[in-house]
Amino acid sequence: HGDVVVLESSDADADKALADLKALLETDLDA
């Protein structure tokens, strides 16, 4: 079960990182 929690955590971190990167790119385009 521990592995599953780690994978879910990693997915959430990856999604947040991707969202942050997308927001950063959109900000650069707007600038």
PDB file of N, CA and C in Angstrom:
ATOM      1  N   HIS A   1       0.839  -1.208   0.000  1.00  0.00           N
ATOM      2  CA  HIS A   1       0.000   0.000   0.000  1.00  0.00           C
ATOM      3  C   HIS A   1       0.876   1.261   0.000  1.00  0.00           C
ATOM      4  N   GLY A   2       2.013   1.162   0.637  1.00  0.00           N
ATOM      5  CA  GLY A   2       2.913   2.313   0.707  1.00  0.00           C
ATOM      6  C   GLY A   2       3.319   2.788  -0.682  1.00  0.00           C
ATOM      7  N   ASP A   3       3.593   1.825  -1.572  1.00  0.00           N
ATOM      8  CA  ASP A   3       4.006   2.193  -2.931  1.00  0.00           C
ATOM      9  C   ASP A   3       2.904   2.970  -3.646  1.00  0.00           C
ATOM     10  N   VAL A   4       1.667   2.543  -3.439  1.00  0.00           N
ATOM     11  CA  VAL A   4       0.542   3.212  -4.100  1.00  0.00           C
ATOM     12  C   VAL A   4       0.455   4.665  -3.642  1.00  0.00           C
ATOM     13  N   VAL A   5       0.632   4.888  -2.349  1.00  0.00           N
ATOM     14  CA  VAL A   5       0.554   6.248  -1.814  1.00  0.00           C
ATOM     15  C   VAL A   5       1.657   7.108  -2.434  1.00  0.00           C
ATOM     16  N   VAL A   6       2.842   6.544  -2.560  1.00  0.00           N
ATOM     17  CA  VAL A   6       3.968   7.284  -3.138  1.00  0.00           C
ATOM     18  C   VAL A   6       3.669   7.648  -4.586  1.00  0.00           C
ATOM     19  N   LEU A   7       3.107   6.680  -5.331  1.00  0.00           N
ATOM     20  CA  LEU A   7       2.794   6.945  -6.736  1.00  0.00           C
ATOM     21  C   LEU A   7       1.750   8.043  -6.854  1.00  0.00           C
ATOM     22  N   GLU A   8       0.719   7.969  -6.011  1.00  0.00           N
ATOM     23  CA  GLU A   8      -0.324   8.999  -6.060  1.00  0.00           C
ATOM     24  C   GLU A   8       0.285  10.359  -5.714  1.00  0.00           C
ATOM     25  N   SER A   9       1.186  10.360  -4.743  1.00  0.00           N
ATOM     26  CA  SER A   9       1.821  11.602  -4.326  1.00  0.00           C
ATOM     27  C   SER A   9       2.656  12.160  -5.483  1.00  0.00           C
ATOM     28  N   SER A  10       3.382  11.287  -6.152  1.00  0.00           N
ATOM     29  CA  SER A  10       4.223  11.719  -7.264  1.00  0.00           C
ATOM     30  C   SER A  10       3.359  12.288  -8.388  1.00  0.00           C
ATOM     31  N   ASP A  11       2.239  11.628  -8.664  1.00  0.00           N
ATOM     32  CA  ASP A  11       1.347  12.111  -9.725  1.00  0.00           C
ATOM     33  C   ASP A  11       0.837  13.508  -9.380  1.00  0.00           C
ATOM     34  N   ALA A  12       0.466  13.711  -8.130  1.00  0.00           N
ATOM     35  CA  ALA A  12      -0.054  15.013  -7.706  1.00  0.00           C
ATOM     36  C   ALA A  12       1.041  16.067  -7.853  1.00  0.00           C
ATOM     37  N   ASP A  13       2.257  15.716  -7.453  1.00  0.00           N
ATOM     38  CA  ASP A  13       3.374  16.659  -7.563  1.00  0.00           C
ATOM     39  C   ASP A  13       3.641  16.978  -9.035  1.00  0.00           C
ATOM     40  N   ALA A  14       3.573  15.963  -9.871  1.00  0.00           N
ATOM     41  CA  ALA A  14       3.823  16.163 -11.302  1.00  0.00           C
ATOM     42  C   ALA A  14       2.742  17.067 -11.898  1.00  0.00           C
ATOM     43  N   ASP A  15       1.495  16.823 -11.502  1.00  0.00           N
ATOM     44  CA  ASP A  15       0.390  17.651 -12.017  1.00  0.00           C
ATOM     45  C   ASP A  15       0.580  19.100 -11.588  1.00  0.00           C
ATOM     46  N   LYS A  16       0.996  19.313 -10.328  1.00  0.00           N
ATOM     47  CA  LYS A  16       1.190  20.676  -9.829  1.00  0.00           C
ATOM     48  C   LYS A  16       2.354  21.336 -10.579  1.00  0.00           C
ATOM     49  N   ALA A  17       3.419  20.587 -10.777  1.00  0.00           N
ATOM     50  CA  ALA A  17       4.584  21.134 -11.477  1.00  0.00           C
ATOM     51  C   ALA A  17       4.203  21.514 -12.905  1.00  0.00           C
ATOM     52  N   LEU A  18       3.401  20.651 -13.550  1.00  0.00           N
ATOM     53  CA  LEU A  18       2.973  20.923 -14.922  1.00  0.00           C
ATOM     54  C   LEU A  18       2.080  22.160 -14.958  1.00  0.00           C
ATOM     55  N   ALA A  19       1.190  22.279 -13.982  1.00  0.00           N
ATOM     56  CA  ALA A  19       0.290  23.434 -13.924  1.00  0.00           C
ATOM     57  C   ALA A  19       1.101  24.708 -13.692  1.00  0.00           C
ATOM     58  N   ASP A  20       2.106  24.613 -12.796  1.00  0.00           N
ATOM     59  CA  ASP A  20       2.944  25.787 -12.515  1.00  0.00           C
ATOM     60  C   ASP A  20       3.710  26.193 -13.771  1.00  0.00           C
ATOM     61  N   LEU A  21       4.236  25.187 -14.484  1.00  0.00           N
ATOM     62  CA  LEU A  21       5.007  25.470 -15.694  1.00  0.00           C
ATOM     63  C   LEU A  21       4.114  26.115 -16.745  1.00  0.00           C
ATOM     64  N   LYS A  22       2.896  25.585 -16.901  1.00  0.00           N
ATOM     65  CA  LYS A  22       1.957  26.126 -17.888  1.00  0.00           C
ATOM     66  C   LYS A  22       1.624  27.579 -17.538  1.00  0.00           C
ATOM     67  N   ALA A  23       1.392  27.846 -16.255  1.00  0.00           N
ATOM     68  CA  ALA A  23       1.060  29.203 -15.824  1.00  0.00           C
ATOM     69  C   ALA A  23       2.240  30.132 -16.116  1.00  0.00           C
ATOM     70  N   LEU A  24       3.453  29.627 -15.893  1.00  0.00           N
ATOM     71  CA  LEU A  24       4.653  30.437 -16.130  1.00  0.00           C
ATOM     72  C   LEU A  24       4.779  30.752 -17.619  1.00  0.00           C
ATOM     73  N   LEU A  25       4.537  29.750 -18.465  1.00  0.00           N
ATOM     74  CA  LEU A  25       4.624  29.966 -19.913  1.00  0.00           C
ATOM     75  C   LEU A  25       3.560  30.953 -20.371  1.00  0.00           C
ATOM     76  N   GLU A  26       2.350  30.823 -19.835  1.00  0.00           N
ATOM     77  CA  GLU A  26       1.266  31.732 -20.224  1.00  0.00           C
ATOM     78  C   GLU A  26       1.611  33.161 -19.803  1.00  0.00           C
ATOM     79  N   THR A  27       2.247  33.300 -18.637  1.00  0.00           N
ATOM     80  CA  THR A  27       2.631  34.629 -18.157  1.00  0.00           C
ATOM     81  C   THR A  27       3.677  35.228 -19.098  1.00  0.00           C
ATOM     82  N   ASP A  28       4.625  34.394 -19.554  1.00  0.00           N
ATOM     83  CA  ASP A  28       5.662  34.871 -20.462  1.00  0.00           C
ATOM     84  C   ASP A  28       5.040  35.320 -21.783  1.00  0.00           C
ATOM     85  N   LEU A  29       4.047  34.583 -22.264  1.00  0.00           N
ATOM     86  CA  LEU A  29       3.399  34.940 -23.527  1.00  0.00           C
ATOM     87  C   LEU A  29       2.646  36.262 -23.387  1.00  0.00           C
ATOM     88  N   ASP A  30       2.031  36.473 -22.233  1.00  0.00           N
ATOM     89  CA  ASP A  30       1.267  37.704 -22.004  1.00  0.00           C
ATOM     90  C   ASP A  30       2.204  38.901 -21.900  1.00  0.00           C
ATOM     91  N   ALA A  31       3.407  38.691 -21.375  1.00  0.00           N
ATOM     92  CA  ALA A  31       4.338  39.792 -21.150  1.00  0.00           C
ATOM     93  C   ALA A  31       4.761  40.438 -22.470  1.00  0.00           C
TER      94      ALA A  31
END
